[in-house]
Amino acid sequence: MNPITIIIIYFTILMGPVITMSSTNLMLMWIGLELSLLAITPLLIDKKNPRSTEAATKYFITQATASMIILLAIVLNYKQLGTWMFQQQTNSILLHMTLISLSMKLGLAPFHYWLPEVTQGIPMHTGLILLTWQKIAPLSIMFQIFQLLNPTIILTLAISSIFVGAWGGLNQTQTRKIMAYSSIAHMGWMVAILPYNPNLMLLNLTIYIMLTIPMFMVLMTNTSTTINSISLLWNKKPMILMITSLLLLSLGGLPPLTGFLPKWAIITELIKNNCTITATLMAMMALLNLFFYTRLIYSTSLTMFPTNNNSKMVLHQENYKYNFTLSILTTLTTLTLPLTPQLL
């Protein structure tokens, strides 16, 4: 692809969520969402194979449908109240329409079916953008209108997403699909706390992005698309084994790693708001997530698959492409928990 085209595409992807976050006008927010959608579509079909084309088509149809629903809600709200922002007087049906469309954009259950398929069919670096940066714009709209949304519907979406993210990832052997189901579960945790303490949602989003970026860096370094291929890390890049294990345990929310911080804070806040059953269900489903992360660690670090060569270790030094960034982010993903008193 032409370098100038790539620069324009990445700049538009960068600006889309920024426009959405920094505006209070619903039409500008919608424009920010559309910029993100239109800019990332060329990246999805960059490989020019049937799988990428299928993934790009699924993504475009789903996101365009969600955009139509939210635009309809915005126009009807303007016709009803004469304002470009949702108010207390806004019809509840329009707010439900907006919540459904944002759930489709985020991949919350039961609107999640497109996310694992699309993530599986696209390159790793595009999958990273899809599972991190593209989540910011819809979540920022939810953050701005959370007081008007129905808490019961939000909690239903959240719990179903955590269930789907936990159960769906159990029988997967593709690393990209595992990361997609992990994303669905993490989005469920973020949305669950939205009606009670939206600042915790921002904390969870920040830590989720901090954990997902280095995990994708590890997968991109070795081009690991299946559990089988990631199990050969011990032979190719033994130093990354420990980093991978720590990242996966942190993604699962195991104390005393950083990934435990948002889960701890969210469960505490839910119990304060008399949502004990919800918090218990979420904690139980988090164990299932931890199980398939542990299975990845087992196949990566604790097993030695048969190799063709007699010498078990490849004796050559490689310059890791993401060496410095990976080390900094890994430190953050493992050692931030002691800062909890300052954060909360």
Protein backbone atom coordinates (compact mmCIF):
# COMPACT_ATOMS: atom_id res chain seq x y z
CA MET A 1 0.00 0.00 0.00
CA ASN A 2 1.16 3.54 -0.79
CA PRO A 3 2.96 5.10 2.27
CA ILE A 4 0.96 8.34 1.95
CA THR A 5 -2.27 6.31 1.93
CA ILE A 6 -1.15 4.41 5.04
CA ILE A 7 -0.35 7.69 6.84
CA ILE A 8 -3.79 9.11 5.96
CA ILE A 9 -5.53 5.89 7.08
CA TYR A 10 -3.73 5.71 10.45
CA PHE A 11 -4.24 9.45 11.05
CA THR A 12 -7.98 9.02 10.41
CA ILE A 13 -8.11 6.00 12.74
CA LEU A 14 -6.36 8.13 15.38
CA MET A 15 -8.66 11.11 14.92
CA GLY A 16 -11.99 9.22 14.91
CA PRO A 17 -12.14 8.37 18.65
CA VAL A 18 -10.49 11.71 19.53
CA ILE A 19 -13.36 13.59 17.80
CA THR A 20 -15.92 11.36 19.56
CA MET A 21 -14.30 11.83 22.99
CA SER A 22 -13.89 15.61 22.72
CA SER A 23 -17.38 16.51 21.48
CA THR A 24 -20.70 16.93 23.27
CA ASN A 25 -22.67 17.08 20.02
CA LEU A 26 -24.18 13.69 19.08
CA MET A 27 -23.73 14.29 15.36
CA LEU A 28 -19.99 14.95 15.83
CA MET A 29 -19.73 11.80 17.94
CA TRP A 30 -21.37 9.85 15.12
CA ILE A 31 -18.94 11.38 12.60
CA GLY A 32 -16.03 10.21 14.79
CA LEU A 33 -17.45 6.66 14.80
CA GLU A 34 -17.83 6.73 11.01
CA LEU A 35 -14.27 7.97 10.49
CA SER A 36 -12.97 5.01 12.51
CA LEU A 37 -15.13 2.56 10.56
CA LEU A 38 -14.20 3.83 7.09
CA ALA A 39 -10.48 4.17 7.88
CA ILE A 40 -9.96 0.69 9.28
CA THR A 41 -11.78 -1.13 6.45
CA PRO A 42 -8.82 -0.89 3.97
CA LEU A 43 -6.52 -2.34 6.66
CA LEU A 44 -8.83 -5.33 7.10
CA ILE A 45 -8.58 -6.31 3.41
CA ASP A 46 -4.86 -5.55 3.10
CA LYS A 47 -3.92 -9.25 2.68
CA LYS A 48 -6.27 -9.72 -0.32
CA ASN A 49 -7.34 -13.27 0.51
CA PRO A 50 -10.91 -14.59 0.82
CA ARG A 51 -10.70 -14.79 4.63
CA SER A 52 -9.73 -11.10 4.96
CA THR A 53 -12.44 -10.05 2.50
CA GLU A 54 -15.03 -12.03 4.44
CA ALA A 55 -13.86 -10.50 7.75
CA ALA A 56 -13.94 -6.96 6.29
CA THR A 57 -17.45 -7.53 4.89
CA LYS A 58 -18.76 -8.85 8.22
CA TYR A 59 -17.19 -5.94 10.08
CA PHE A 60 -18.50 -3.32 7.67
CA ILE A 61 -22.08 -4.67 7.60
CA THR A 62 -22.26 -4.95 11.42
CA GLN A 63 -20.76 -1.53 12.07
CA ALA A 64 -22.82 0.16 9.34
CA THR A 65 -26.01 -1.32 10.81
CA ALA A 66 -25.05 -0.04 14.28
CA SER A 67 -24.25 3.39 12.80
CA MET A 68 -27.67 3.53 11.10
CA ILE A 69 -29.44 2.71 14.38
CA ILE A 70 -27.56 5.37 16.34
CA LEU A 71 -28.05 7.96 13.59
CA LEU A 72 -31.80 7.22 13.58
CA ALA A 73 -31.89 7.70 17.37
CA ILE A 74 -29.96 11.01 17.08
CA VAL A 75 -32.27 12.39 14.35
CA LEU A 76 -35.46 11.34 16.17
CA ASN A 77 -34.13 12.89 19.39
CA TYR A 78 -33.45 16.16 17.51
CA LYS A 79 -36.95 16.07 16.03
CA GLN A 80 -38.46 15.48 19.49
CA LEU A 81 -36.41 17.92 21.63
CA GLY A 82 -34.61 20.18 19.13
CA THR A 83 -31.20 19.42 20.67
CA TRP A 84 -28.15 17.43 19.54
CA MET A 85 -27.66 15.81 22.96
CA PHE A 86 -29.70 13.27 24.89
CA GLN A 87 -31.65 14.81 27.79
CA GLN A 88 -33.72 13.53 30.72
CA GLN A 89 -36.81 14.05 28.52
CA THR A 90 -35.46 11.81 25.72
CA ASN A 91 -37.72 8.90 24.83
CA SER A 92 -36.47 5.71 26.51
CA ILE A 93 -36.82 3.76 23.23
CA LEU A 94 -34.23 6.07 21.61
CA LEU A 95 -31.84 5.46 24.52
CA HIS A 96 -32.35 1.69 24.17
CA MET A 97 -31.63 1.97 20.43
CA THR A 98 -28.41 3.87 21.19
CA LEU A 99 -27.34 1.29 23.80
CA ILE A 100 -27.98 -1.58 21.35
CA SER A 101 -26.00 0.12 18.58
CA LEU A 102 -23.05 0.84 20.91
CA SER A 103 -23.18 -2.77 22.13
CA MET A 104 -22.96 -3.93 18.50
CA LYS A 105 -19.94 -1.69 17.94
CA LEU A 106 -18.21 -2.98 21.10
CA GLY A 107 -19.07 -6.64 20.45
CA LEU A 108 -21.03 -7.11 23.67
CA ALA A 109 -23.13 -10.28 23.90
CA PRO A 110 -25.60 -11.06 22.36
CA PHE A 111 -24.21 -8.88 19.53
CA HIS A 112 -20.76 -10.48 19.70
CA TYR A 113 -20.85 -13.04 16.87
CA TRP A 114 -18.91 -10.89 14.41
CA LEU A 115 -15.94 -10.17 16.69
CA PRO A 116 -14.14 -13.59 16.91
CA GLU A 117 -14.69 -14.25 13.19
CA VAL A 118 -13.42 -10.84 12.12
CA THR A 119 -10.40 -10.98 14.47
CA GLN A 120 -9.49 -14.43 13.15
CA GLY A 121 -9.57 -13.30 9.51
CA ILE A 122 -7.38 -10.19 9.73
CA PRO A 123 -3.63 -9.56 10.33
CA MET A 124 -2.31 -9.38 13.91
CA HIS A 125 -1.56 -5.63 13.94
CA THR A 126 -5.05 -4.80 12.62
CA GLY A 127 -6.54 -7.14 15.23
CA LEU A 128 -4.70 -5.17 17.90
CA ILE A 129 -6.24 -1.89 16.66
CA LEU A 130 -9.68 -3.53 16.47
CA LEU A 131 -9.54 -4.86 20.05
CA THR A 132 -8.05 -1.74 21.68
CA TRP A 133 -8.29 1.64 19.92
CA GLN A 134 -11.63 0.94 18.20
CA LYS A 135 -13.29 0.31 21.60
CA ILE A 136 -12.56 3.81 22.89
CA ALA A 137 -15.15 5.78 20.85
CA PRO A 138 -18.27 3.70 21.76
CA LEU A 139 -17.19 3.53 25.42
CA SER A 140 -16.70 7.32 25.51
CA ILE A 141 -20.30 7.82 24.28
CA MET A 142 -21.54 5.40 26.96
CA PHE A 143 -19.49 7.31 29.53
CA GLN A 144 -21.19 10.60 28.56
CA ILE A 145 -24.78 9.29 28.63
CA PHE A 146 -24.54 6.60 31.36
CA GLN A 147 -26.94 8.48 33.71
CA LEU A 148 -29.74 8.17 31.14
CA LEU A 149 -29.26 4.44 30.40
CA ASN A 150 -31.24 1.66 32.09
CA PRO A 151 -28.96 -0.07 34.68
CA THR A 152 -30.85 -3.39 34.40
CA ILE A 153 -30.24 -3.65 30.64
CA ILE A 154 -26.59 -2.63 31.09
CA LEU A 155 -26.00 -5.31 33.74
CA THR A 156 -27.77 -7.94 31.58
CA LEU A 157 -25.48 -7.09 28.64
CA ALA A 158 -22.44 -7.13 30.94
CA ILE A 159 -23.15 -10.50 32.58
CA SER A 160 -24.01 -12.16 29.25
CA SER A 161 -20.76 -10.79 27.76
CA ILE A 162 -18.70 -12.15 30.66
CA PHE A 163 -20.42 -15.56 30.28
CA VAL A 164 -19.86 -15.64 26.51
CA GLY A 165 -16.25 -14.44 26.84
CA ALA A 166 -15.53 -17.17 29.42
CA TRP A 167 -17.31 -20.12 27.77
CA GLY A 168 -16.46 -19.16 24.19
CA GLY A 169 -12.72 -19.06 24.83
CA LEU A 170 -12.58 -22.51 26.43
CA ASN A 171 -12.57 -24.62 23.25
CA GLN A 172 -10.44 -22.31 21.07
CA THR A 173 -7.04 -23.21 19.66
CA GLN A 174 -6.56 -20.00 17.63
CA THR A 175 -4.76 -17.27 19.59
CA ARG A 176 -6.62 -14.45 17.83
CA LYS A 177 -10.00 -15.95 18.72
CA ILE A 178 -8.85 -16.39 22.33
CA MET A 179 -7.92 -12.69 22.42
CA ALA A 180 -11.31 -11.79 20.89
CA TYR A 181 -13.24 -13.73 23.54
CA SER A 182 -10.97 -12.19 26.18
CA SER A 183 -11.96 -8.77 24.80
CA ILE A 184 -15.68 -9.64 25.03
CA ALA A 185 -15.25 -10.64 28.70
CA HIS A 186 -13.25 -7.48 29.52
CA MET A 187 -15.88 -5.29 27.83
CA GLY A 188 -18.47 -6.99 30.05
CA TRP A 189 -16.50 -6.01 33.16
CA MET A 190 -16.22 -2.40 31.94
CA VAL A 191 -19.92 -2.05 31.14
CA ALA A 192 -20.96 -3.72 34.44
CA ILE A 193 -19.46 -0.93 36.54
CA LEU A 194 -20.66 1.90 34.26
CA PRO A 195 -23.94 2.73 36.12
CA TYR A 196 -22.20 2.86 39.52
CA ASN A 197 -18.69 4.28 39.02
CA PRO A 198 -17.78 5.21 35.42
CA ASN A 199 -14.25 6.24 36.47
CA LEU A 200 -13.52 2.58 37.23
CA MET A 201 -14.54 1.79 33.67
CA LEU A 202 -11.82 4.16 32.43
CA LEU A 203 -9.29 2.51 34.77
CA ASN A 204 -10.30 -0.94 33.49
CA LEU A 205 -10.05 0.21 29.86
CA THR A 206 -6.56 1.65 30.42
CA ILE A 207 -5.28 -1.53 32.08
CA TYR A 208 -6.95 -3.73 29.43
CA ILE A 209 -5.16 -1.81 26.65
CA MET A 210 -1.87 -1.98 28.62
CA LEU A 211 -2.24 -5.78 28.84
CA THR A 212 -3.47 -6.44 25.29
CA ILE A 213 -0.75 -4.47 23.46
CA PRO A 214 2.24 -6.49 24.85
CA MET A 215 0.31 -9.76 24.41
CA PHE A 216 -0.20 -9.00 20.72
CA MET A 217 3.46 -7.94 20.48
CA VAL A 218 4.49 -11.39 21.71
CA LEU A 219 2.17 -13.06 19.20
CA MET A 220 3.42 -10.84 16.35
CA THR A 221 7.08 -11.44 17.25
CA ASN A 222 6.66 -15.17 16.69
CA THR A 223 3.72 -14.99 14.24
CA SER A 224 1.84 -17.27 16.63
CA THR A 225 -1.68 -17.88 15.34
CA THR A 226 -2.38 -21.20 17.11
CA ILE A 227 -1.60 -22.76 20.50
CA ASN A 228 0.70 -25.19 18.67
CA SER A 229 2.82 -22.41 17.19
CA ILE A 230 3.05 -20.51 20.49
CA SER A 231 4.23 -23.73 22.15
CA LEU A 232 7.47 -23.50 20.11
CA LEU A 233 8.49 -20.26 21.84
CA TRP A 234 10.78 -22.10 24.28
CA ASN A 235 12.88 -23.23 21.31
CA LYS A 236 12.98 -19.92 19.43
CA LYS A 237 12.78 -17.10 21.97
CA PRO A 238 13.17 -18.51 25.50
CA MET A 239 13.37 -15.05 27.12
CA ILE A 240 9.80 -14.27 26.03
CA LEU A 241 8.44 -17.32 27.90
CA MET A 242 8.38 -15.60 31.28
CA ILE A 243 6.92 -12.40 29.78
CA THR A 244 4.14 -14.39 28.08
CA SER A 245 3.28 -16.25 31.30
CA LEU A 246 3.11 -13.02 33.32
CA LEU A 247 0.99 -11.29 30.68
CA LEU A 248 -1.48 -14.17 30.49
CA LEU A 249 -1.81 -14.40 34.29
CA SER A 250 -2.29 -10.64 34.47
CA LEU A 251 -4.97 -10.80 31.74
CA GLY A 252 -6.73 -13.44 33.82
CA GLY A 253 -6.73 -11.13 36.84
CA LEU A 254 -4.50 -13.16 39.14
CA PRO A 255 -3.15 -11.26 42.18
CA PRO A 256 -0.65 -9.69 42.76
CA LEU A 257 -0.43 -8.66 39.08
CA THR A 258 -1.89 -5.50 37.60
CA GLY A 259 -4.85 -7.29 35.96
CA PHE A 260 -6.24 -8.02 39.44
CA LEU A 261 -6.63 -4.28 40.21
CA PRO A 262 -9.71 -3.47 38.03
CA LYS A 263 -11.47 -6.73 38.99
CA TRP A 264 -10.85 -6.07 42.67
CA ALA A 265 -12.10 -2.48 42.42
CA ILE A 266 -15.18 -3.43 40.34
CA ILE A 267 -16.24 -6.28 42.65
CA THR A 268 -15.80 -4.01 45.69
CA GLU A 269 -17.92 -1.27 44.08
CA LEU A 270 -20.66 -3.72 43.04
CA ILE A 271 -20.88 -5.13 46.59
CA LYS A 272 -21.15 -1.57 47.96
CA ASN A 273 -24.14 -1.07 45.64
CA ASN A 274 -25.85 -4.29 46.82
CA CYS A 275 -25.07 -6.26 43.64
CA THR A 276 -23.56 -9.22 45.50
CA ILE A 277 -25.04 -11.90 43.21
CA THR A 278 -23.80 -10.06 40.10
CA ALA A 279 -20.30 -9.72 41.60
CA THR A 280 -20.25 -13.43 42.54
CA LEU A 281 -21.26 -14.52 39.02
CA MET A 282 -18.62 -12.26 37.49
CA ALA A 283 -15.91 -13.60 39.80
CA MET A 284 -16.87 -17.20 38.96
CA MET A 285 -16.72 -16.53 35.23
CA ALA A 286 -13.32 -14.84 35.68
CA LEU A 287 -12.04 -18.25 36.85
CA LEU A 288 -13.00 -19.75 33.48
CA ASN A 289 -11.05 -17.01 31.73
CA LEU A 290 -8.09 -17.76 33.96
CA PHE A 291 -8.41 -21.45 33.04
CA PHE A 292 -7.87 -20.95 29.30
CA TYR A 293 -5.05 -18.47 29.94
CA THR A 294 -3.43 -21.10 32.18
CA ARG A 295 -3.85 -23.66 29.40
CA LEU A 296 -1.88 -21.33 27.11
CA ILE A 297 0.84 -20.99 29.77
CA TYR A 298 0.94 -24.79 30.15
CA SER A 299 1.46 -25.37 26.43
CA THR A 300 3.99 -22.52 26.22
CA SER A 301 6.15 -22.99 29.29
CA LEU A 302 5.52 -26.39 30.87
CA THR A 303 5.57 -28.74 27.89
CA MET A 304 8.25 -29.60 25.33
CA PHE A 305 6.71 -30.67 22.05
CA PRO A 306 8.68 -33.04 19.78
CA THR A 307 11.22 -31.24 17.60
CA ASN A 308 12.96 -32.34 14.41
CA ASN A 309 16.44 -31.32 15.53
CA ASN A 310 18.56 -33.05 18.17
CA SER A 311 19.73 -29.80 19.80
CA LYS A 312 16.81 -28.63 21.84
CA MET A 313 17.67 -24.92 21.84
CA VAL A 314 18.16 -22.75 18.77
CA LEU A 315 21.54 -21.15 19.43
CA HIS A 316 21.24 -17.79 17.78
CA GLN A 317 20.52 -14.29 18.94
CA GLU A 318 17.69 -12.33 17.39
CA ASN A 319 16.92 -8.66 17.65
CA TYR A 320 13.40 -8.58 19.00
CA LYS A 321 11.36 -6.08 17.05
CA TYR A 322 9.47 -4.69 20.04
CA ASN A 323 12.16 -5.19 22.69
CA PHE A 324 12.05 -1.87 24.56
CA THR A 325 8.28 -1.28 24.34
CA LEU A 326 7.56 -4.86 25.38
CA SER A 327 9.80 -4.64 28.46
CA ILE A 328 8.25 -1.33 29.59
CA LEU A 329 4.67 -2.55 29.12
CA THR A 330 5.40 -5.88 30.80
CA THR A 331 6.74 -4.02 33.84
CA LEU A 332 3.55 -1.94 33.96
CA THR A 333 1.33 -5.02 33.62
CA THR A 334 2.97 -6.77 36.56
CA LEU A 335 3.95 -4.09 39.06
CA THR A 336 1.15 -1.50 39.14
CA LEU A 337 -0.86 -3.13 41.95
CA PRO A 338 1.16 -1.46 44.79
CA LEU A 339 -0.03 1.90 43.40
CA THR A 340 -3.67 1.00 44.18
CA PRO A 341 -4.02 3.32 47.22
CA GLN A 342 -2.98 6.31 45.08
CA LEU A 343 -5.30 5.32 42.19
CA LEU A 344 -8.35 4.76 44.39
